[in-house]
Amino acid sequence: MDLILWRHAEAEVPAPGQDDLLRSLTPKGERQARRMAAWLNHRLAATTRVLVSPALRCRQTAEALGREVRIVPSIAPDAPIAALIEASRWPKSSEPVLICGHQPTLGQLAAHLLAGVDQDWAVKKGAVWWLRWRQRDGEPEVTLHAVQGPDAL
């Protein structure tokens, strides 16, 4: 199973009293989302399920893919990693899954799946971490397939 973790692109700084879920992408964030979406669309299988946080900045980031997405309330900001694991059906999904979400949860999930540790790993804004689960010699194995930031494209 492939699990692609995509942190939303750069978003506006919240205004006093603004609902965090309503923050939108900055112009730089829009460029980051388009660049990363182009990179992803050259690599993602047509069957990839795209799961997106209900936050506006995540929805705008994922829109750049031009694919069907599913808004998943349980993966909103500050979601526990268990919610992302459940939503993605890790590691048993028969198709690749892309999650467009937030820090620190994405970094915590990467640390948990790759190293079995509870740590806050940094996933940069707009970046993708591509994880792969497979059986090797009868043992489960998780590998880091790719890490790509939008500003390096």
Protein backbone atom coordinates (compact mmCIF):
# COMPACT_ATOMS: atom_id res chain seq x y z
CA MET A 1 0.00 0.00 0.00
CA ASP A 2 1.16 3.51 -0.80
CA LEU A 3 0.26 6.30 1.63
CA ILE A 4 1.04 9.80 0.43
CA LEU A 5 1.06 12.50 3.11
CA TRP A 6 0.61 16.01 1.66
CA ARG A 7 0.73 18.99 3.98
CA HIS A 8 -1.39 21.91 2.84
CA ALA A 9 0.47 24.72 1.12
CA GLU A 10 1.22 28.08 2.71
CA ALA A 11 -1.88 29.68 4.24
CA GLU A 12 -2.78 33.10 5.52
CA VAL A 13 -1.91 34.00 9.10
CA PRO A 14 -5.14 33.81 11.07
CA ALA A 15 -6.82 37.12 11.79
CA PRO A 16 -7.90 37.75 15.39
CA GLY A 17 -11.01 35.68 16.04
CA GLN A 18 -10.90 33.99 12.62
CA ASP A 19 -12.05 30.38 12.45
CA ASP A 20 -8.91 28.31 11.76
CA LEU A 21 -10.83 26.14 9.30
CA LEU A 22 -11.49 29.18 7.10
CA ARG A 23 -7.89 30.26 6.46
CA SER A 24 -7.14 30.25 2.74
CA LEU A 25 -3.94 29.81 0.77
CA THR A 26 -1.67 32.75 0.09
CA PRO A 27 -0.63 33.44 -3.52
CA LYS A 28 2.63 31.61 -2.73
CA GLY A 29 0.57 28.71 -1.35
CA GLU A 30 -1.47 28.57 -4.55
CA ARG A 31 1.76 28.30 -6.57
CA GLN A 32 3.08 25.60 -4.21
CA ALA A 33 -0.15 23.61 -4.57
CA ARG A 34 -0.07 23.79 -8.38
CA ARG A 35 3.60 22.70 -8.56
CA MET A 36 3.12 19.84 -6.13
CA ALA A 37 -0.11 18.73 -7.84
CA ALA A 38 1.69 18.57 -11.20
CA TRP A 39 4.45 16.45 -9.64
CA LEU A 40 1.90 14.15 -7.99
CA ASN A 41 -0.30 13.77 -11.08
CA HIS A 42 2.70 12.39 -12.99
CA ARG A 43 3.16 9.70 -10.33
CA LEU A 44 -0.20 8.86 -8.75
CA ALA A 45 -2.25 5.91 -9.91
CA ALA A 46 -5.66 6.75 -11.33
CA THR A 47 -7.18 4.71 -8.48
CA THR A 48 -5.64 6.83 -5.72
CA ARG A 49 -8.17 7.83 -3.05
CA VAL A 50 -7.70 11.48 -2.06
CA LEU A 51 -8.76 12.24 1.53
CA VAL A 52 -8.82 15.89 2.56
CA SER A 53 -9.20 17.77 5.82
CA PRO A 54 -12.25 20.07 5.91
CA ALA A 55 -9.97 23.09 6.41
CA LEU A 56 -10.21 25.52 3.47
CA ARG A 57 -6.43 25.57 2.99
CA CYS A 58 -6.39 21.77 2.54
CA ARG A 59 -9.35 21.80 0.19
CA GLN A 60 -7.66 24.49 -1.92
CA THR A 61 -4.37 22.56 -1.93
CA ALA A 62 -6.05 19.32 -3.04
CA GLU A 63 -8.17 21.13 -5.67
CA ALA A 64 -4.98 21.71 -7.63
CA LEU A 65 -4.90 17.96 -8.39
CA GLY A 66 -8.06 18.20 -10.46
CA ARG A 67 -9.22 14.84 -9.06
CA GLU A 68 -12.19 13.71 -7.09
CA VAL A 69 -11.56 14.22 -3.37
CA ARG A 70 -13.34 13.16 -0.22
CA ILE A 71 -13.59 15.63 2.67
CA VAL A 72 -12.98 13.73 5.92
CA PRO A 73 -13.91 15.66 9.09
CA SER A 74 -11.94 13.27 11.32
CA ILE A 75 -8.62 14.43 9.79
CA ALA A 76 -9.12 18.12 10.62
CA PRO A 77 -6.36 20.09 12.40
CA ASP A 78 -5.08 18.43 15.59
CA ALA A 79 -6.56 15.05 14.64
CA PRO A 80 -4.90 12.07 16.32
CA ILE A 81 -2.79 9.83 14.09
CA ALA A 82 -5.28 7.02 14.73
CA ALA A 83 -7.87 9.02 12.75
CA LEU A 84 -5.55 9.18 9.72
CA ILE A 85 -4.72 5.49 9.99
CA GLU A 86 -8.42 4.61 10.14
CA ALA A 87 -9.42 6.94 7.28
CA SER A 88 -6.67 5.56 5.02
CA ARG A 89 -7.29 1.93 6.02
CA TRP A 90 -3.54 1.57 6.58
CA PRO A 91 -1.97 -0.83 5.67
CA LYS A 92 -4.83 -2.83 4.15
CA SER A 93 -6.18 -0.48 1.48
CA SER A 94 -6.15 -2.06 -1.95
CA GLU A 95 -5.48 1.29 -3.61
CA PRO A 96 -3.02 4.13 -2.91
CA VAL A 97 -4.25 6.82 -0.53
CA LEU A 98 -3.29 10.48 -0.46
CA ILE A 99 -4.08 12.48 2.68
CA CYS A 100 -4.00 16.26 2.48
CA GLY A 101 -3.72 17.42 6.06
CA HIS A 102 -1.88 19.24 8.80
CA GLN A 103 1.10 19.42 11.07
CA PRO A 104 1.88 18.14 13.60
CA THR A 105 -0.28 15.10 12.80
CA LEU A 106 1.34 14.27 9.43
CA GLY A 107 4.83 14.34 10.95
CA GLN A 108 3.69 12.29 13.93
CA LEU A 109 2.16 9.72 11.57
CA ALA A 110 5.36 9.50 9.51
CA ALA A 111 7.43 9.01 12.67
CA HIS A 112 5.05 6.33 13.93
CA LEU A 113 4.90 4.37 10.67
CA LEU A 114 8.55 4.67 9.63
CA ALA A 115 10.34 4.50 12.98
CA GLY A 116 7.76 3.33 15.51
CA VAL A 117 8.36 6.42 17.66
CA ASP A 118 6.13 9.14 19.07
CA GLN A 119 7.86 12.24 17.77
CA ASP A 120 6.95 15.44 15.97
CA TRP A 121 8.74 15.16 12.62
CA ALA A 122 8.59 18.26 10.46
CA VAL A 123 6.71 18.13 7.16
CA LYS A 124 7.16 21.44 5.34
CA LYS A 125 4.23 23.40 3.96
CA GLY A 126 3.13 21.99 0.63
CA ALA A 127 5.50 19.00 0.88
CA VAL A 128 4.76 15.34 0.21
CA TRP A 129 6.05 12.28 2.08
CA TRP A 130 5.32 9.07 0.16
CA LEU A 131 5.31 5.91 2.31
CA ARG A 132 5.06 2.36 1.06
CA TRP A 133 4.03 -0.77 2.99
CA ARG A 134 4.89 -4.21 1.70
CA GLN A 135 5.70 -7.73 2.79
CA ARG A 136 9.38 -8.63 2.44
CA ASP A 137 10.55 -12.12 3.30
CA GLY A 138 7.24 -12.61 5.10
CA GLU A 139 7.74 -9.53 7.31
CA PRO A 140 5.91 -6.20 7.04
CA GLU A 141 8.12 -3.31 5.95
CA VAL A 142 7.48 0.41 5.62
CA THR A 143 9.78 2.44 3.40
CA LEU A 144 10.06 6.08 2.49
CA HIS A 145 9.49 6.11 -1.26
CA ALA A 146 9.87 9.87 -1.81
CA VAL A 147 9.98 13.25 -0.09
CA GLN A 148 9.31 16.27 -2.26
CA GLY A 149 8.87 19.92 -1.43
CA PRO A 150 7.03 22.32 -3.72
CA ASP A 151 9.77 24.92 -3.77
CA ALA A 152 12.30 22.45 -5.19
CA LEU A 153 10.23 21.89 -8.34
